[in-house]
Amino acid sequence: MKKEVINIRVSSTFKADLGILADLKDISISDLGREALNMYFNTTDFGEPEIRDTIEEKPNKDSDELLQSLAFTELIFWIYDKRLNPEMNEIDEYYDQHVALIDEMNNHSRFTSEILIEFNKIKSELKGECDGYDHRSGIFLFSQKNNPNSFNYDKLSYFMYGIRYTENQVKDLFIK
């Protein structure tokens, strides 16, 4: 799909604030803007029923494909598996696949900033572990409850249960 460019004017203070937030989320200002616009677009009542109905009927194919992919399913199962068995016992290529998928998730509107913070905890650890660390000698820390940067499994459960519905409880993701 071809991407279009939208230019907007903001104050220098607001731009600086956007830069700080983007740095904290480890994404570009453009990605942050897309995320904000997608969130606004997906949560705004556009008033006139014919406009609202037209917008609500439009499929979000890219996001749906990602959520229905084998790679996403593998990532979710792997995260829960690490809760039970945090040992590093997979090949680097498997970890690299998870990092690439989390990068892709950071650019999709269905993933809230709250859940992306959790997935990015895993990404940070995987990137650190993928760069020359011997995976067979340790455990993943994100799965440990006593770790201050531990993954919040409750947020993942809440996200997974709620992903099929909008804030107005309208089902808008249909799993094949």
N, C-alpha and C. Protein backbone atom coordinates (compact mmCIF):
# COMPACT_ATOMS: atom_id res chain seq x y z
N MET A 1 0.85 -1.17 0.00
CA MET A 1 0.00 0.00 0.00
C MET A 1 0.90 1.24 0.00
N LYS A 2 0.60 2.16 -0.90
CA LYS A 2 1.36 3.40 -0.99
C LYS A 2 1.03 4.29 0.20
N LYS A 3 2.07 4.87 0.79
CA LYS A 3 1.88 5.77 1.92
C LYS A 3 1.90 7.20 1.43
N GLU A 4 1.07 8.02 2.02
CA GLU A 4 0.96 9.43 1.70
C GLU A 4 1.60 10.25 2.81
N VAL A 5 1.99 11.47 2.50
CA VAL A 5 2.60 12.38 3.45
C VAL A 5 1.59 13.44 3.85
N ILE A 6 1.50 13.72 5.14
CA ILE A 6 0.65 14.79 5.67
C ILE A 6 1.56 15.72 6.46
N ASN A 7 1.54 17.00 6.13
CA ASN A 7 2.33 17.99 6.85
C ASN A 7 1.43 18.74 7.82
N ILE A 8 1.92 18.93 9.04
CA ILE A 8 1.17 19.72 10.03
C ILE A 8 2.13 20.69 10.70
N ARG A 9 1.59 21.81 11.16
CA ARG A 9 2.40 22.79 11.86
C ARG A 9 2.09 22.69 13.35
N VAL A 10 3.17 22.66 14.16
CA VAL A 10 3.05 22.64 15.61
C VAL A 10 4.07 23.59 16.19
N SER A 11 3.88 23.98 17.44
CA SER A 11 4.84 24.88 18.09
C SER A 11 6.15 24.13 18.34
N SER A 12 7.21 24.86 18.52
CA SER A 12 8.51 24.23 18.77
C SER A 12 8.49 23.47 20.11
N THR A 13 7.75 23.98 21.07
CA THR A 13 7.62 23.29 22.36
C THR A 13 6.91 21.96 22.18
N PHE A 14 5.83 21.97 21.43
CA PHE A 14 5.07 20.73 21.19
C PHE A 14 5.93 19.73 20.42
N LYS A 15 6.69 20.20 19.45
CA LYS A 15 7.57 19.32 18.68
C LYS A 15 8.62 18.70 19.60
N ALA A 16 9.16 19.49 20.52
CA ALA A 16 10.15 18.97 21.47
C ALA A 16 9.52 17.90 22.36
N ASP A 17 8.29 18.18 22.82
CA ASP A 17 7.58 17.19 23.63
C ASP A 17 7.34 15.89 22.85
N LEU A 18 6.98 16.03 21.58
CA LEU A 18 6.79 14.84 20.74
C LEU A 18 8.10 14.06 20.62
N GLY A 19 9.20 14.77 20.47
CA GLY A 19 10.51 14.12 20.37
C GLY A 19 10.85 13.34 21.63
N ILE A 20 10.56 13.91 22.78
CA ILE A 20 10.83 13.23 24.05
C ILE A 20 9.99 11.97 24.16
N LEU A 21 8.69 12.08 23.86
CA LEU A 21 7.80 10.92 23.93
C LEU A 21 8.21 9.84 22.94
N ALA A 22 8.56 10.25 21.73
CA ALA A 22 9.00 9.28 20.72
C ALA A 22 10.27 8.57 21.18
N ASP A 23 11.21 9.30 21.78
CA ASP A 23 12.43 8.68 22.29
C ASP A 23 12.11 7.69 23.40
N LEU A 24 11.20 8.05 24.29
CA LEU A 24 10.82 7.14 25.38
C LEU A 24 10.20 5.85 24.84
N LYS A 25 9.44 5.98 23.75
CA LYS A 25 8.79 4.80 23.16
C LYS A 25 9.70 4.10 22.15
N ASP A 26 10.86 4.66 21.89
CA ASP A 26 11.81 4.12 20.93
C ASP A 26 11.20 4.00 19.53
N ILE A 27 10.48 5.07 19.13
CA ILE A 27 9.89 5.14 17.80
C ILE A 27 10.15 6.53 17.23
N SER A 28 9.90 6.69 15.94
CA SER A 28 10.09 7.99 15.32
C SER A 28 8.91 8.91 15.64
N ILE A 29 9.10 10.21 15.41
CA ILE A 29 8.00 11.16 15.59
C ILE A 29 6.89 10.84 14.60
N SER A 30 7.25 10.42 13.39
CA SER A 30 6.23 10.04 12.40
C SER A 30 5.40 8.86 12.89
N ASP A 31 6.06 7.85 13.46
CA ASP A 31 5.32 6.70 14.00
C ASP A 31 4.41 7.12 15.14
N LEU A 32 4.91 8.02 15.99
CA LEU A 32 4.10 8.52 17.09
C LEU A 32 2.87 9.27 16.55
N GLY A 33 3.07 10.09 15.53
CA GLY A 33 1.95 10.81 14.92
C GLY A 33 0.94 9.86 14.31
N ARG A 34 1.42 8.83 13.61
CA ARG A 34 0.50 7.83 13.04
C ARG A 34 -0.29 7.14 14.13
N GLU A 35 0.40 6.77 15.21
CA GLU A 35 -0.27 6.11 16.32
C GLU A 35 -1.37 7.00 16.91
N ALA A 36 -1.04 8.28 17.11
CA ALA A 36 -2.01 9.22 17.69
C ALA A 36 -3.20 9.43 16.74
N LEU A 37 -2.92 9.59 15.45
CA LEU A 37 -4.01 9.77 14.49
C LEU A 37 -4.89 8.51 14.40
N ASN A 38 -4.26 7.34 14.40
CA ASN A 38 -5.04 6.10 14.37
C ASN A 38 -5.91 5.97 15.61
N MET A 39 -5.35 6.31 16.77
CA MET A 39 -6.12 6.24 18.01
C MET A 39 -7.31 7.20 17.95
N TYR A 40 -7.06 8.42 17.50
CA TYR A 40 -8.14 9.41 17.37
C TYR A 40 -9.20 8.92 16.38
N PHE A 41 -8.75 8.44 15.24
CA PHE A 41 -9.66 7.98 14.19
C PHE A 41 -10.51 6.81 14.67
N ASN A 42 -9.91 5.92 15.46
CA ASN A 42 -10.62 4.72 15.91
C ASN A 42 -11.48 4.93 17.13
N THR A 43 -11.37 6.10 17.78
CA THR A 43 -12.16 6.33 18.99
C THR A 43 -13.11 7.52 18.88
N THR A 44 -13.13 8.19 17.75
CA THR A 44 -13.96 9.38 17.58
C THR A 44 -15.30 9.03 16.95
N ASP A 45 -16.36 9.62 17.50
CA ASP A 45 -17.69 9.49 16.91
C ASP A 45 -17.80 10.63 15.89
N PHE A 46 -17.93 10.28 14.62
CA PHE A 46 -17.92 11.28 13.56
C PHE A 46 -19.28 11.90 13.30
N GLY A 47 -20.23 11.67 14.22
CA GLY A 47 -21.50 12.37 14.15
C GLY A 47 -22.50 11.76 13.19
N GLU A 48 -22.48 12.19 11.96
CA GLU A 48 -23.48 11.77 11.00
C GLU A 48 -23.41 10.26 10.77
N PRO A 49 -24.56 9.55 10.90
CA PRO A 49 -24.56 8.09 10.80
C PRO A 49 -23.94 7.55 9.51
N GLU A 50 -24.21 8.21 8.36
CA GLU A 50 -23.66 7.68 7.11
C GLU A 50 -22.13 7.77 7.07
N ILE A 51 -21.57 8.81 7.68
CA ILE A 51 -20.10 8.93 7.75
C ILE A 51 -19.55 7.87 8.70
N ARG A 52 -20.15 7.78 9.89
CA ARG A 52 -19.70 6.82 10.89
C ARG A 52 -19.79 5.39 10.36
N ASP A 53 -20.91 5.04 9.70
CA ASP A 53 -21.10 3.69 9.17
C ASP A 53 -20.08 3.37 8.08
N THR A 54 -19.79 4.34 7.22
CA THR A 54 -18.81 4.13 6.16
C THR A 54 -17.43 3.88 6.75
N ILE A 55 -17.06 4.67 7.74
CA ILE A 55 -15.74 4.52 8.38
C ILE A 55 -15.67 3.19 9.13
N GLU A 56 -16.72 2.82 9.88
CA GLU A 56 -16.70 1.59 10.67
C GLU A 56 -16.66 0.35 9.79
N GLU A 57 -17.19 0.41 8.57
CA GLU A 57 -17.19 -0.75 7.69
C GLU A 57 -15.85 -0.97 7.01
N LYS A 58 -15.01 0.05 6.99
CA LYS A 58 -13.72 -0.05 6.31
C LYS A 58 -12.82 -1.03 7.06
N PRO A 59 -12.35 -2.09 6.41
CA PRO A 59 -11.50 -3.07 7.11
C PRO A 59 -10.11 -2.52 7.37
N ASN A 60 -9.53 -2.99 8.42
CA ASN A 60 -8.15 -2.64 8.77
C ASN A 60 -7.30 -3.86 8.46
N LYS A 61 -7.13 -4.14 7.16
CA LYS A 61 -6.53 -5.38 6.69
C LYS A 61 -5.12 -5.63 7.20
N ASP A 62 -4.28 -4.63 7.19
CA ASP A 62 -2.90 -4.84 7.62
C ASP A 62 -2.85 -5.35 9.05
N SER A 63 -3.59 -4.72 9.95
CA SER A 63 -3.59 -5.12 11.34
C SER A 63 -4.18 -6.50 11.51
N ASP A 64 -5.25 -6.79 10.79
CA ASP A 64 -5.89 -8.09 10.91
C ASP A 64 -4.95 -9.20 10.46
N GLU A 65 -4.21 -8.97 9.40
CA GLU A 65 -3.27 -9.98 8.90
C GLU A 65 -2.18 -10.25 9.93
N LEU A 66 -1.67 -9.22 10.54
CA LEU A 66 -0.63 -9.40 11.55
C LEU A 66 -1.15 -10.23 12.72
N LEU A 67 -2.32 -9.87 13.22
CA LEU A 67 -2.89 -10.57 14.36
C LEU A 67 -3.25 -12.02 14.05
N GLN A 68 -3.50 -12.32 12.79
CA GLN A 68 -3.86 -13.68 12.40
C GLN A 68 -2.66 -14.48 11.90
N SER A 69 -1.47 -13.90 12.00
CA SER A 69 -0.29 -14.57 11.47
C SER A 69 0.23 -15.64 12.44
N LEU A 70 0.92 -16.60 11.87
CA LEU A 70 1.56 -17.64 12.67
C LEU A 70 2.64 -17.02 13.56
N ALA A 71 3.34 -16.03 13.06
CA ALA A 71 4.41 -15.40 13.84
C ALA A 71 3.85 -14.76 15.11
N PHE A 72 2.69 -14.10 15.03
CA PHE A 72 2.08 -13.48 16.21
C PHE A 72 1.65 -14.56 17.19
N THR A 73 1.04 -15.61 16.69
CA THR A 73 0.62 -16.72 17.56
C THR A 73 1.83 -17.33 18.26
N GLU A 74 2.90 -17.54 17.51
CA GLU A 74 4.13 -18.09 18.12
C GLU A 74 4.67 -17.18 19.21
N LEU A 75 4.65 -15.87 18.96
CA LEU A 75 5.16 -14.93 19.96
C LEU A 75 4.35 -15.01 21.25
N ILE A 76 3.03 -15.03 21.14
CA ILE A 76 2.18 -15.08 22.33
C ILE A 76 2.42 -16.38 23.10
N PHE A 77 2.45 -17.50 22.40
CA PHE A 77 2.72 -18.78 23.07
C PHE A 77 4.10 -18.78 23.72
N TRP A 78 5.09 -18.22 23.03
CA TRP A 78 6.46 -18.17 23.55
C TRP A 78 6.52 -17.34 24.83
N ILE A 79 5.83 -16.19 24.84
CA ILE A 79 5.83 -15.32 26.02
C ILE A 79 5.25 -16.08 27.22
N TYR A 80 4.14 -16.78 27.00
CA TYR A 80 3.54 -17.54 28.10
C TYR A 80 4.41 -18.74 28.49
N ASP A 81 5.08 -19.35 27.53
CA ASP A 81 5.99 -20.45 27.83
C ASP A 81 7.14 -19.98 28.71
N LYS A 82 7.64 -18.77 28.45
CA LYS A 82 8.76 -18.25 29.24
C LYS A 82 8.33 -17.96 30.67
N ARG A 83 7.05 -17.75 30.89
CA ARG A 83 6.55 -17.57 32.26
C ARG A 83 6.76 -18.86 33.05
N LEU A 84 6.57 -19.99 32.39
CA LEU A 84 6.72 -21.29 33.04
C LEU A 84 8.16 -21.79 33.00
N ASN A 85 8.85 -21.50 31.90
CA ASN A 85 10.22 -21.98 31.72
C ASN A 85 11.05 -20.85 31.09
N PRO A 86 11.68 -20.02 31.92
CA PRO A 86 12.39 -18.84 31.41
C PRO A 86 13.76 -19.12 30.79
N GLU A 87 14.11 -20.38 30.64
CA GLU A 87 15.42 -20.70 30.09
C GLU A 87 15.56 -20.22 28.65
N MET A 88 16.77 -19.79 28.32
CA MET A 88 17.10 -19.39 26.95
C MET A 88 17.54 -20.65 26.22
N ASN A 89 16.66 -21.24 25.43
CA ASN A 89 17.01 -22.50 24.80
C ASN A 89 16.61 -22.57 23.33
N GLU A 90 16.40 -21.43 22.71
CA GLU A 90 16.07 -21.39 21.29
C GLU A 90 17.26 -20.83 20.50
N ILE A 91 17.17 -20.96 19.19
CA ILE A 91 18.23 -20.42 18.34
C ILE A 91 18.04 -18.92 18.15
N ASP A 92 19.12 -18.20 17.83
CA ASP A 92 19.07 -16.75 17.66
C ASP A 92 18.05 -16.31 16.63
N GLU A 93 17.91 -17.07 15.57
CA GLU A 93 16.99 -16.72 14.49
C GLU A 93 15.55 -16.59 15.02
N TYR A 94 15.19 -17.43 15.96
CA TYR A 94 13.86 -17.37 16.57
C TYR A 94 13.68 -16.07 17.34
N TYR A 95 14.72 -15.64 18.07
CA TYR A 95 14.66 -14.39 18.81
C TYR A 95 14.61 -13.21 17.85
N ASP A 96 15.40 -13.28 16.79
CA ASP A 96 15.40 -12.21 15.78
C ASP A 96 14.02 -12.06 15.15
N GLN A 97 13.32 -13.18 14.92
CA GLN A 97 11.97 -13.15 14.36
C GLN A 97 11.02 -12.41 15.31
N HIS A 98 11.15 -12.64 16.60
CA HIS A 98 10.30 -11.95 17.58
C HIS A 98 10.59 -10.45 17.59
N VAL A 99 11.85 -10.08 17.52
CA VAL A 99 12.22 -8.66 17.49
C VAL A 99 11.61 -7.98 16.27
N ALA A 100 11.71 -8.61 15.10
CA ALA A 100 11.16 -8.04 13.87
C ALA A 100 9.64 -7.90 13.97
N LEU A 101 8.98 -8.88 14.56
CA LEU A 101 7.53 -8.82 14.71
C LEU A 101 7.13 -7.69 15.66
N ILE A 102 7.84 -7.54 16.76
CA ILE A 102 7.53 -6.46 17.70
C ILE A 102 7.74 -5.10 17.04
N ASP A 103 8.77 -4.98 16.21
CA ASP A 103 8.96 -3.75 15.43
C ASP A 103 7.74 -3.48 14.56
N GLU A 104 7.23 -4.51 13.90
CA GLU A 104 6.05 -4.36 13.05
C GLU A 104 4.83 -3.98 13.89
N MET A 105 4.70 -4.57 15.06
CA MET A 105 3.57 -4.26 15.94
C MET A 105 3.58 -2.80 16.37
N ASN A 106 4.76 -2.22 16.52
CA ASN A 106 4.87 -0.82 16.92
C ASN A 106 4.28 0.13 15.88
N ASN A 107 4.04 -0.35 14.66
CA ASN A 107 3.49 0.49 13.59
C ASN A 107 2.04 0.18 13.27
N HIS A 108 1.37 -0.59 14.11
CA HIS A 108 -0.02 -0.95 13.86
C HIS A 108 -0.94 -0.32 14.90
N SER A 109 -2.07 0.15 14.42
CA SER A 109 -2.99 0.89 15.28
C SER A 109 -3.70 0.03 16.31
N ARG A 110 -3.78 -1.25 16.11
CA ARG A 110 -4.49 -2.11 17.07
C ARG A 110 -3.73 -2.28 18.38
N PHE A 111 -2.44 -2.00 18.38
CA PHE A 111 -1.63 -2.17 19.58
C PHE A 111 -1.55 -0.85 20.32
N THR A 112 -2.07 -0.84 21.54
CA THR A 112 -2.05 0.38 22.36
C THR A 112 -0.64 0.65 22.86
N SER A 113 -0.39 1.89 23.23
CA SER A 113 0.94 2.22 23.76
C SER A 113 1.20 1.43 25.04
N GLU A 114 0.16 1.16 25.81
CA GLU A 114 0.32 0.41 27.06
C GLU A 114 0.83 -1.02 26.80
N ILE A 115 0.28 -1.71 25.82
CA ILE A 115 0.73 -3.08 25.54
C ILE A 115 2.06 -3.06 24.80
N LEU A 116 2.29 -2.03 24.00
CA LEU A 116 3.58 -1.94 23.30
C LEU A 116 4.73 -1.75 24.28
N ILE A 117 4.50 -1.05 25.37
CA ILE A 117 5.53 -0.92 26.41
C ILE A 117 5.93 -2.31 26.90
N GLU A 118 4.94 -3.17 27.10
CA GLU A 118 5.22 -4.53 27.57
C GLU A 118 6.00 -5.33 26.52
N PHE A 119 5.54 -5.29 25.26
CA PHE A 119 6.24 -6.02 24.21
C PHE A 119 7.66 -5.48 24.00
N ASN A 120 7.83 -4.16 24.16
CA ASN A 120 9.16 -3.57 23.97
C ASN A 120 10.13 -3.95 25.09
N LYS A 121 9.62 -4.32 26.27
CA LYS A 121 10.48 -4.86 27.33
C LYS A 121 11.12 -6.15 26.83
N ILE A 122 10.32 -6.98 26.20
CA ILE A 122 10.83 -8.25 25.66
C ILE A 122 11.81 -7.97 24.53
N LYS A 123 11.44 -7.04 23.66
CA LYS A 123 12.31 -6.69 22.53
C LYS A 123 13.67 -6.23 23.02
N SER A 124 13.70 -5.37 24.03
CA SER A 124 14.97 -4.87 24.56
C SER A 124 15.83 -6.00 25.08
N GLU A 125 15.21 -6.91 25.80
CA GLU A 125 15.98 -8.04 26.33
C GLU A 125 16.44 -8.95 25.20
N LEU A 126 15.58 -9.20 24.23
CA LEU A 126 15.98 -10.05 23.11
C LEU A 126 17.11 -9.43 22.31
N LYS A 127 17.05 -8.14 22.08
CA LYS A 127 18.13 -7.48 21.33
C LYS A 127 19.44 -7.56 22.10
N GLY A 128 19.38 -7.40 23.39
CA GLY A 128 20.58 -7.54 24.21
C GLY A 128 21.10 -8.96 24.19
N GLU A 129 20.18 -9.91 24.24
CA GLU A 129 20.57 -11.31 24.26
C GLU A 129 21.04 -11.77 22.89
N CYS A 130 20.53 -11.18 21.84
CA CYS A 130 20.90 -11.61 20.49
C CYS A 130 22.29 -11.12 20.10
N ASP A 131 22.80 -10.11 20.76
CA ASP A 131 24.09 -9.55 20.39
C ASP A 131 25.23 -10.22 21.16
N GLY A 132 25.51 -11.47 20.81
CA GLY A 132 26.68 -12.16 21.33
C GLY A 132 26.51 -12.85 22.66
N TYR A 133 25.33 -12.86 23.24
CA TYR A 133 25.11 -13.53 24.52
C TYR A 133 24.85 -15.01 24.29
N ASP A 134 25.37 -15.86 25.14
CA ASP A 134 25.14 -17.30 25.02
C ASP A 134 23.78 -17.63 25.64
N HIS A 135 22.79 -17.86 24.80
CA HIS A 135 21.43 -18.09 25.26
C HIS A 135 21.29 -19.32 26.15
N ARG A 136 22.13 -20.29 25.98
CA ARG A 136 21.98 -21.54 26.70
C ARG A 136 22.49 -21.47 28.14
N SER A 137 23.02 -20.33 28.51
CA SER A 137 23.61 -20.23 29.86
C SER A 137 22.75 -19.44 30.84
N GLY A 138 21.60 -18.98 30.44
CA GLY A 138 20.85 -18.14 31.36
C GLY A 138 19.35 -18.26 31.22
N ILE A 139 18.69 -17.29 31.81
CA ILE A 139 17.23 -17.22 31.76
C ILE A 139 16.81 -15.82 31.33
N PHE A 140 15.59 -15.73 30.84
CA PHE A 140 15.03 -14.42 30.49
C PHE A 140 14.52 -13.76 31.76
N LEU A 141 14.89 -12.51 31.94
CA LEU A 141 14.50 -11.78 33.14
C LEU A 141 13.09 -11.20 33.04
N PHE A 142 12.60 -10.93 31.81
CA PHE A 142 11.27 -10.31 31.69
C PHE A 142 10.18 -11.18 32.29
N SER A 143 10.41 -12.48 32.38
CA SER A 143 9.39 -13.39 32.89
C SER A 143 9.44 -13.56 34.41
N GLN A 144 10.41 -12.94 35.05
CA GLN A 144 10.60 -13.09 36.50
C GLN A 144 9.80 -12.03 37.25
N LYS A 145 8.97 -12.47 38.18
CA LYS A 145 8.10 -11.56 38.93
C LYS A 145 8.88 -10.54 39.75
N ASN A 146 10.03 -10.91 40.27
CA ASN A 146 10.80 -10.00 41.14
C ASN A 146 11.64 -9.00 40.36
N ASN A 147 11.61 -9.06 39.04
CA ASN A 147 12.36 -8.13 38.20
C ASN A 147 11.55 -6.84 38.04
N PRO A 148 12.17 -5.68 38.30
CA PRO A 148 11.41 -4.42 38.16
C PRO A 148 10.93 -4.16 36.72
N ASN A 149 11.57 -4.76 35.72
CA ASN A 149 11.15 -4.61 34.33
C ASN A 149 10.41 -5.84 33.82
N SER A 150 9.76 -6.55 34.72
CA SER A 150 9.09 -7.78 34.30
C SER A 150 7.89 -7.47 33.41
N PHE A 151 7.59 -8.42 32.57
CA PHE A 151 6.46 -8.32 31.64
C PHE A 151 5.17 -8.44 32.43
N ASN A 152 4.18 -7.60 32.10
CA ASN A 152 2.89 -7.64 32.80
C ASN A 152 1.95 -8.57 32.03
N TYR A 153 1.86 -9.80 32.49
CA TYR A 153 1.03 -10.80 31.83
C TYR A 153 -0.46 -10.46 31.92
N ASP A 154 -0.86 -9.75 32.97
CA ASP A 154 -2.26 -9.34 33.09
C ASP A 154 -2.65 -8.37 31.97
N LYS A 155 -1.73 -7.45 31.62
CA LYS A 155 -2.01 -6.52 30.53
C LYS A 155 -2.13 -7.26 29.20
N LEU A 156 -1.29 -8.30 29.01
CA LEU A 156 -1.39 -9.09 27.78
C LEU A 156 -2.73 -9.81 27.72
N SER A 157 -3.15 -10.41 28.81
CA SER A 157 -4.45 -11.11 28.84
C SER A 157 -5.59 -10.14 28.52
N TYR A 158 -5.57 -8.97 29.17
CA TYR A 158 -6.61 -7.97 28.94
C TYR A 158 -6.62 -7.54 27.46
N PHE A 159 -5.43 -7.31 26.91
CA PHE A 159 -5.32 -6.91 25.51
C PHE A 159 -5.87 -8.00 24.59
N MET A 160 -5.48 -9.24 24.82
CA MET A 160 -5.89 -10.34 23.95
C MET A 160 -7.41 -10.57 24.01
N TYR A 161 -7.99 -10.45 25.21
CA TYR A 161 -9.44 -10.62 25.32
C TYR A 161 -10.21 -9.48 24.67
N GLY A 162 -9.64 -8.28 24.70
CA GLY A 162 -10.38 -7.13 24.21
C GLY A 162 -10.10 -6.72 22.79
N ILE A 163 -9.15 -7.36 22.13
CA ILE A 163 -8.70 -6.88 20.82
C ILE A 163 -9.76 -6.96 19.72
N ARG A 164 -10.71 -7.83 19.86
CA ARG A 164 -11.73 -8.01 18.82
C ARG A 164 -12.78 -6.90 18.82
N TYR A 165 -12.81 -6.10 19.87
CA TYR A 165 -13.89 -5.13 20.04
C TYR A 165 -13.36 -3.70 20.16
N THR A 166 -14.19 -2.76 19.69
CA THR A 166 -13.87 -1.35 19.87
C THR A 166 -14.23 -0.95 21.29
N GLU A 167 -13.92 0.30 21.65
CA GLU A 167 -14.28 0.79 22.98
C GLU A 167 -15.79 0.77 23.21
N ASN A 168 -16.56 0.82 22.12
CA ASN A 168 -18.02 0.80 22.22
C ASN A 168 -18.58 -0.62 22.17
N GLN A 169 -17.71 -1.62 22.35
CA GLN A 169 -18.09 -3.04 22.34
C GLN A 169 -18.65 -3.50 21.00
N VAL A 170 -18.19 -2.89 19.92
CA VAL A 170 -18.57 -3.31 18.58
C VAL A 170 -17.46 -4.23 18.07
N LYS A 171 -17.83 -5.43 17.66
CA LYS A 171 -16.82 -6.37 17.17
C LYS A 171 -16.30 -5.88 15.82
N ASP A 172 -14.98 -5.69 15.74
CA ASP A 172 -14.43 -5.22 14.48
C ASP A 172 -13.21 -6.04 14.03
N LEU A 173 -12.92 -7.13 14.72
CA LEU A 173 -11.88 -8.05 14.28
C LEU A 173 -12.47 -9.43 14.24
N PHE A 174 -12.49 -10.01 13.07
CA PHE A 174 -13.08 -11.33 12.90
C PHE A 174 -11.97 -12.31 12.57
N ILE A 175 -11.73 -13.22 13.50
CA ILE A 175 -10.68 -14.22 13.32
C ILE A 175 -11.18 -15.31 12.37
N LYS A 176 -10.30 -15.69 11.45
CA LYS A 176 -10.67 -16.72 10.47
C LYS A 176 -10.75 -18.08 11.13
